[in-house]
Amino acid sequence: MARAGWAVGWKKDAFWGKEALEAQKARKDYRLTWGLLATGRGIPRAHCAVLGADGQQIGEVTSGTMSPTLKQGIALALLDRGVAEGDEVSIDVRGRSLPAKVVKPPFVQTHIS
């Protein structure tokens, strides 16, 4: 699902994969999309493993780059459902541990309040 359920035509009578998606939704065994904000020096990249505090893999980076606005690494990642906003994680970038914080996208404020 990855928080993309809004893009699925749930009200349609039938579509390819509907049964599989409904079963997955009922089991709640899918990962969720979260943002990662690097707190150390480094740039997260796609397919890098995301590790929890215990060193176990809890997800995978789907895309990452250097934010020119924030001047630090940012990424989107699919993370296990137990992960929450504000959690400290590490990203395995080519064998080097990059500390990061779990955040809710967007990374930069989109409007002035």
N, C-alpha and C. Protein backbone atom coordinates (compact mmCIF):
# COMPACT_ATOMS: atom_id res chain seq x y z
N MET A 1 0.82 -1.20 0.00
CA MET A 1 0.00 0.00 0.00
C MET A 1 0.86 1.26 0.00
N ALA A 2 1.71 1.39 0.97
CA ALA A 2 2.65 2.51 1.04
C ALA A 2 1.96 3.87 1.03
N ARG A 3 0.82 3.97 1.67
CA ARG A 3 0.03 5.22 1.75
C ARG A 3 -0.45 5.67 0.37
N ALA A 4 -0.62 4.74 -0.55
CA ALA A 4 -1.09 5.08 -1.89
C ALA A 4 -2.50 4.55 -2.13
N GLY A 5 -3.21 4.21 -1.07
CA GLY A 5 -4.56 3.70 -1.19
C GLY A 5 -5.51 4.68 -1.86
N TRP A 6 -5.18 5.96 -1.79
CA TRP A 6 -6.02 6.98 -2.42
C TRP A 6 -6.04 6.82 -3.94
N ALA A 7 -5.03 6.15 -4.48
CA ALA A 7 -4.92 6.00 -5.93
C ALA A 7 -5.62 4.74 -6.44
N VAL A 8 -6.21 3.96 -5.53
CA VAL A 8 -6.87 2.71 -5.90
C VAL A 8 -8.37 2.95 -6.00
N GLY A 9 -8.99 2.42 -7.04
CA GLY A 9 -10.44 2.56 -7.22
C GLY A 9 -11.19 1.51 -6.41
N TRP A 10 -11.18 1.65 -5.07
CA TRP A 10 -11.77 0.65 -4.18
C TRP A 10 -13.24 0.41 -4.46
N LYS A 11 -13.97 1.41 -4.98
CA LYS A 11 -15.41 1.27 -5.21
C LYS A 11 -15.74 0.51 -6.49
N LYS A 12 -14.75 0.28 -7.33
CA LYS A 12 -14.99 -0.47 -8.56
C LYS A 12 -15.33 -1.92 -8.22
N ASP A 13 -16.20 -2.52 -9.02
CA ASP A 13 -16.60 -3.91 -8.79
C ASP A 13 -15.41 -4.85 -8.90
N ALA A 14 -14.57 -4.64 -9.91
CA ALA A 14 -13.43 -5.53 -10.12
C ALA A 14 -12.31 -4.80 -10.85
N PHE A 15 -11.08 -5.15 -10.52
CA PHE A 15 -9.91 -4.70 -11.25
C PHE A 15 -8.79 -5.68 -10.93
N TRP A 16 -7.78 -5.73 -11.78
CA TRP A 16 -6.67 -6.66 -11.61
C TRP A 16 -6.00 -6.43 -10.26
N GLY A 17 -5.90 -7.48 -9.46
CA GLY A 17 -5.22 -7.41 -8.17
C GLY A 17 -6.07 -6.95 -7.01
N LYS A 18 -7.37 -6.72 -7.23
CA LYS A 18 -8.23 -6.21 -6.16
C LYS A 18 -8.24 -7.15 -4.95
N GLU A 19 -8.38 -8.44 -5.21
CA GLU A 19 -8.44 -9.41 -4.10
C GLU A 19 -7.14 -9.40 -3.30
N ALA A 20 -6.01 -9.36 -3.99
CA ALA A 20 -4.71 -9.36 -3.31
C ALA A 20 -4.54 -8.09 -2.47
N LEU A 21 -4.94 -6.94 -3.01
CA LEU A 21 -4.83 -5.69 -2.26
C LEU A 21 -5.75 -5.67 -1.05
N GLU A 22 -6.97 -6.19 -1.21
CA GLU A 22 -7.90 -6.23 -0.08
C GLU A 22 -7.38 -7.14 1.02
N ALA A 23 -6.80 -8.29 0.63
CA ALA A 23 -6.24 -9.22 1.62
C ALA A 23 -5.06 -8.58 2.35
N GLN A 24 -4.20 -7.90 1.61
CA GLN A 24 -3.04 -7.22 2.21
C GLN A 24 -3.51 -6.12 3.16
N LYS A 25 -4.52 -5.38 2.76
CA LYS A 25 -5.05 -4.29 3.58
C LYS A 25 -5.62 -4.84 4.88
N ALA A 26 -6.31 -5.98 4.81
CA ALA A 26 -6.90 -6.59 6.00
C ALA A 26 -5.82 -7.12 6.95
N ARG A 27 -4.74 -7.68 6.40
CA ARG A 27 -3.66 -8.23 7.22
C ARG A 27 -2.77 -7.14 7.82
N LYS A 28 -2.75 -5.99 7.20
CA LYS A 28 -1.88 -4.87 7.62
C LYS A 28 -0.42 -5.30 7.70
N ASP A 29 0.04 -6.04 6.68
CA ASP A 29 1.42 -6.50 6.68
C ASP A 29 2.29 -5.76 5.67
N TYR A 30 1.85 -4.60 5.25
CA TYR A 30 2.60 -3.82 4.27
C TYR A 30 3.38 -2.71 4.96
N ARG A 31 4.41 -2.24 4.30
CA ARG A 31 5.21 -1.14 4.83
C ARG A 31 4.58 0.19 4.46
N LEU A 32 4.95 1.23 5.20
CA LEU A 32 4.43 2.58 4.95
C LEU A 32 5.54 3.49 4.47
N THR A 33 5.18 4.47 3.67
CA THR A 33 6.14 5.45 3.18
C THR A 33 6.38 6.53 4.24
N TRP A 34 7.65 6.75 4.55
CA TRP A 34 8.06 7.80 5.47
C TRP A 34 9.19 8.59 4.84
N GLY A 35 9.41 9.78 5.33
CA GLY A 35 10.56 10.56 4.94
C GLY A 35 11.70 10.33 5.92
N LEU A 36 12.91 10.42 5.44
CA LEU A 36 14.10 10.32 6.29
C LEU A 36 14.93 11.57 6.09
N LEU A 37 15.30 12.19 7.18
CA LEU A 37 16.12 13.40 7.15
C LEU A 37 17.47 13.04 7.79
N ALA A 38 18.52 13.05 6.98
CA ALA A 38 19.85 12.67 7.48
C ALA A 38 20.30 13.67 8.53
N THR A 39 20.76 13.15 9.66
CA THR A 39 21.27 14.01 10.72
C THR A 39 22.80 14.01 10.73
N GLY A 40 23.39 13.15 9.89
CA GLY A 40 24.84 13.12 9.73
C GLY A 40 25.20 13.50 8.30
N ARG A 41 26.49 13.47 8.00
CA ARG A 41 26.94 13.80 6.65
C ARG A 41 26.81 12.58 5.75
N GLY A 42 26.12 12.77 4.65
CA GLY A 42 25.95 11.69 3.69
C GLY A 42 24.67 11.87 2.90
N ILE A 43 24.59 11.14 1.81
CA ILE A 43 23.43 11.23 0.93
C ILE A 43 22.81 9.84 0.78
N PRO A 44 21.58 9.66 1.27
CA PRO A 44 20.92 8.36 1.09
C PRO A 44 20.57 8.13 -0.37
N ARG A 45 20.65 6.87 -0.79
CA ARG A 45 20.33 6.51 -2.18
C ARG A 45 19.33 5.36 -2.19
N ALA A 46 18.69 5.18 -3.33
CA ALA A 46 17.72 4.10 -3.50
C ALA A 46 18.35 2.75 -3.18
N HIS A 47 17.56 1.88 -2.58
CA HIS A 47 17.91 0.50 -2.24
C HIS A 47 18.85 0.38 -1.04
N CYS A 48 19.14 1.48 -0.34
CA CYS A 48 19.93 1.39 0.89
C CYS A 48 19.03 0.83 1.99
N ALA A 49 19.58 -0.03 2.83
CA ALA A 49 18.83 -0.61 3.94
C ALA A 49 18.66 0.44 5.04
N VAL A 50 17.48 0.43 5.67
CA VAL A 50 17.21 1.29 6.82
C VAL A 50 17.21 0.38 8.05
N LEU A 51 18.01 0.74 9.05
CA LEU A 51 18.17 -0.09 10.24
C LEU A 51 17.61 0.61 11.46
N GLY A 52 16.97 -0.17 12.33
CA GLY A 52 16.43 0.36 13.58
C GLY A 52 17.52 0.47 14.63
N ALA A 53 17.14 0.86 15.85
CA ALA A 53 18.09 1.04 16.94
C ALA A 53 18.80 -0.27 17.29
N ASP A 54 18.14 -1.41 17.06
CA ASP A 54 18.72 -2.71 17.37
C ASP A 54 19.60 -3.26 16.25
N GLY A 55 19.72 -2.50 15.15
CA GLY A 55 20.55 -2.92 14.02
C GLY A 55 19.85 -3.82 13.02
N GLN A 56 18.59 -4.14 13.27
CA GLN A 56 17.82 -4.97 12.35
C GLN A 56 17.23 -4.11 11.23
N GLN A 57 17.14 -4.69 10.03
CA GLN A 57 16.59 -3.95 8.90
C GLN A 57 15.09 -3.77 9.10
N ILE A 58 14.65 -2.51 9.00
CA ILE A 58 13.24 -2.18 9.17
C ILE A 58 12.64 -1.59 7.90
N GLY A 59 13.44 -1.47 6.84
CA GLY A 59 12.92 -0.92 5.61
C GLY A 59 14.00 -0.71 4.58
N GLU A 60 13.59 0.01 3.51
CA GLU A 60 14.50 0.26 2.40
C GLU A 60 14.20 1.63 1.80
N VAL A 61 15.26 2.35 1.47
CA VAL A 61 15.12 3.65 0.82
C VAL A 61 14.62 3.44 -0.60
N THR A 62 13.60 4.20 -1.00
CA THR A 62 13.10 4.12 -2.37
C THR A 62 13.70 5.20 -3.24
N SER A 63 14.03 6.36 -2.65
CA SER A 63 14.70 7.43 -3.38
C SER A 63 15.37 8.35 -2.37
N GLY A 64 16.49 8.92 -2.76
CA GLY A 64 17.20 9.81 -1.87
C GLY A 64 18.08 10.77 -2.65
N THR A 65 18.40 11.90 -2.02
CA THR A 65 19.21 12.92 -2.67
C THR A 65 19.71 13.92 -1.63
N MET A 66 20.43 14.90 -2.09
CA MET A 66 20.87 16.02 -1.25
C MET A 66 19.88 17.16 -1.47
N SER A 67 19.30 17.65 -0.40
CA SER A 67 18.35 18.75 -0.51
C SER A 67 19.12 20.07 -0.60
N PRO A 68 18.98 20.80 -1.72
CA PRO A 68 19.67 22.08 -1.83
C PRO A 68 19.10 23.13 -0.87
N THR A 69 17.84 22.98 -0.51
CA THR A 69 17.20 23.93 0.41
C THR A 69 17.64 23.66 1.85
N LEU A 70 17.60 22.39 2.26
CA LEU A 70 17.94 22.04 3.63
C LEU A 70 19.44 21.83 3.83
N LYS A 71 20.16 21.62 2.73
CA LYS A 71 21.59 21.35 2.75
C LYS A 71 21.92 20.11 3.58
N GLN A 72 21.07 19.08 3.44
CA GLN A 72 21.31 17.79 4.07
C GLN A 72 20.60 16.71 3.27
N GLY A 73 20.99 15.46 3.52
CA GLY A 73 20.40 14.36 2.79
C GLY A 73 18.97 14.10 3.19
N ILE A 74 18.14 13.77 2.20
CA ILE A 74 16.75 13.41 2.45
C ILE A 74 16.43 12.15 1.65
N ALA A 75 15.40 11.43 2.09
CA ALA A 75 15.02 10.22 1.39
C ALA A 75 13.57 9.88 1.67
N LEU A 76 12.97 9.10 0.79
CA LEU A 76 11.70 8.45 1.03
C LEU A 76 12.02 6.97 1.21
N ALA A 77 11.34 6.33 2.14
CA ALA A 77 11.62 4.93 2.42
C ALA A 77 10.34 4.19 2.78
N LEU A 78 10.31 2.92 2.45
CA LEU A 78 9.24 2.03 2.89
C LEU A 78 9.71 1.40 4.19
N LEU A 79 8.99 1.70 5.30
CA LEU A 79 9.40 1.24 6.63
C LEU A 79 8.31 0.38 7.25
N ASP A 80 8.73 -0.53 8.13
CA ASP A 80 7.79 -1.38 8.85
C ASP A 80 6.77 -0.53 9.59
N ARG A 81 5.61 -1.11 9.86
CA ARG A 81 4.51 -0.37 10.47
C ARG A 81 4.79 0.09 11.90
N GLY A 82 5.75 -0.50 12.60
CA GLY A 82 6.05 -0.10 13.97
C GLY A 82 6.85 1.18 14.08
N VAL A 83 7.33 1.68 12.97
CA VAL A 83 8.15 2.90 12.97
C VAL A 83 7.24 4.12 13.09
N ALA A 84 7.67 5.11 13.86
CA ALA A 84 6.86 6.31 14.07
C ALA A 84 7.67 7.57 13.77
N GLU A 85 6.95 8.64 13.53
CA GLU A 85 7.58 9.93 13.29
C GLU A 85 8.46 10.30 14.48
N GLY A 86 9.67 10.77 14.20
CA GLY A 86 10.60 11.16 15.25
C GLY A 86 11.59 10.07 15.64
N ASP A 87 11.36 8.83 15.20
CA ASP A 87 12.28 7.74 15.51
C ASP A 87 13.64 8.00 14.88
N GLU A 88 14.69 7.59 15.59
CA GLU A 88 16.05 7.68 15.08
C GLU A 88 16.40 6.35 14.42
N VAL A 89 16.88 6.39 13.20
CA VAL A 89 17.26 5.19 12.44
C VAL A 89 18.64 5.43 11.84
N SER A 90 19.16 4.40 11.20
CA SER A 90 20.40 4.59 10.44
C SER A 90 20.21 3.98 9.06
N ILE A 91 20.88 4.59 8.10
CA ILE A 91 20.81 4.15 6.71
C ILE A 91 22.17 3.58 6.35
N ASP A 92 22.18 2.37 5.81
CA ASP A 92 23.44 1.74 5.39
C ASP A 92 23.78 2.25 3.98
N VAL A 93 24.67 3.23 3.92
CA VAL A 93 25.09 3.80 2.64
C VAL A 93 26.46 3.24 2.30
N ARG A 94 26.47 2.24 1.44
CA ARG A 94 27.71 1.59 0.99
C ARG A 94 28.58 1.13 2.16
N GLY A 95 27.94 0.53 3.16
CA GLY A 95 28.67 -0.01 4.30
C GLY A 95 28.94 0.98 5.41
N ARG A 96 28.53 2.22 5.23
CA ARG A 96 28.71 3.25 6.25
C ARG A 96 27.36 3.62 6.84
N SER A 97 27.30 3.76 8.14
CA SER A 97 26.05 4.07 8.82
C SER A 97 25.79 5.58 8.80
N LEU A 98 24.65 5.97 8.26
CA LEU A 98 24.24 7.37 8.20
C LEU A 98 23.05 7.57 9.13
N PRO A 99 23.20 8.31 10.24
CA PRO A 99 22.07 8.54 11.14
C PRO A 99 21.01 9.41 10.47
N ALA A 100 19.74 9.09 10.76
CA ALA A 100 18.63 9.84 10.17
C ALA A 100 17.44 9.84 11.13
N LYS A 101 16.54 10.78 10.88
CA LYS A 101 15.33 10.91 11.68
C LYS A 101 14.13 10.66 10.78
N VAL A 102 13.14 9.92 11.28
CA VAL A 102 11.93 9.64 10.53
C VAL A 102 11.03 10.88 10.60
N VAL A 103 10.63 11.38 9.43
CA VAL A 103 9.79 12.58 9.35
C VAL A 103 8.63 12.33 8.39
N LYS A 104 7.63 13.18 8.50
CA LYS A 104 6.49 13.11 7.59
C LYS A 104 6.73 14.12 6.47
N PRO A 105 6.76 13.64 5.20
CA PRO A 105 6.94 14.59 4.09
C PRO A 105 5.76 15.55 4.01
N PRO A 106 5.92 16.71 3.42
CA PRO A 106 7.09 17.20 2.70
C PRO A 106 8.18 17.68 3.65
N PHE A 107 9.40 17.73 3.15
CA PHE A 107 10.56 18.09 3.96
C PHE A 107 10.65 19.60 4.19
N VAL A 108 10.15 20.36 3.23
CA VAL A 108 10.21 21.81 3.31
C VAL A 108 8.78 22.33 3.39
N GLN A 109 8.55 23.32 4.23
CA GLN A 109 7.22 23.90 4.38
C GLN A 109 6.74 24.42 3.02
N THR A 110 5.52 24.06 2.64
CA THR A 110 5.02 24.43 1.31
C THR A 110 4.22 25.71 1.30
N HIS A 111 3.89 26.24 2.46
CA HIS A 111 3.15 27.50 2.50
C HIS A 111 3.54 28.28 3.76
N ILE A 112 3.32 29.55 3.72
CA ILE A 112 3.65 30.41 4.85
C ILE A 112 2.38 30.59 5.67
N SER A 113 2.48 30.34 6.99
CA SER A 113 1.29 30.49 7.83
C SER A 113 1.37 31.72 8.69
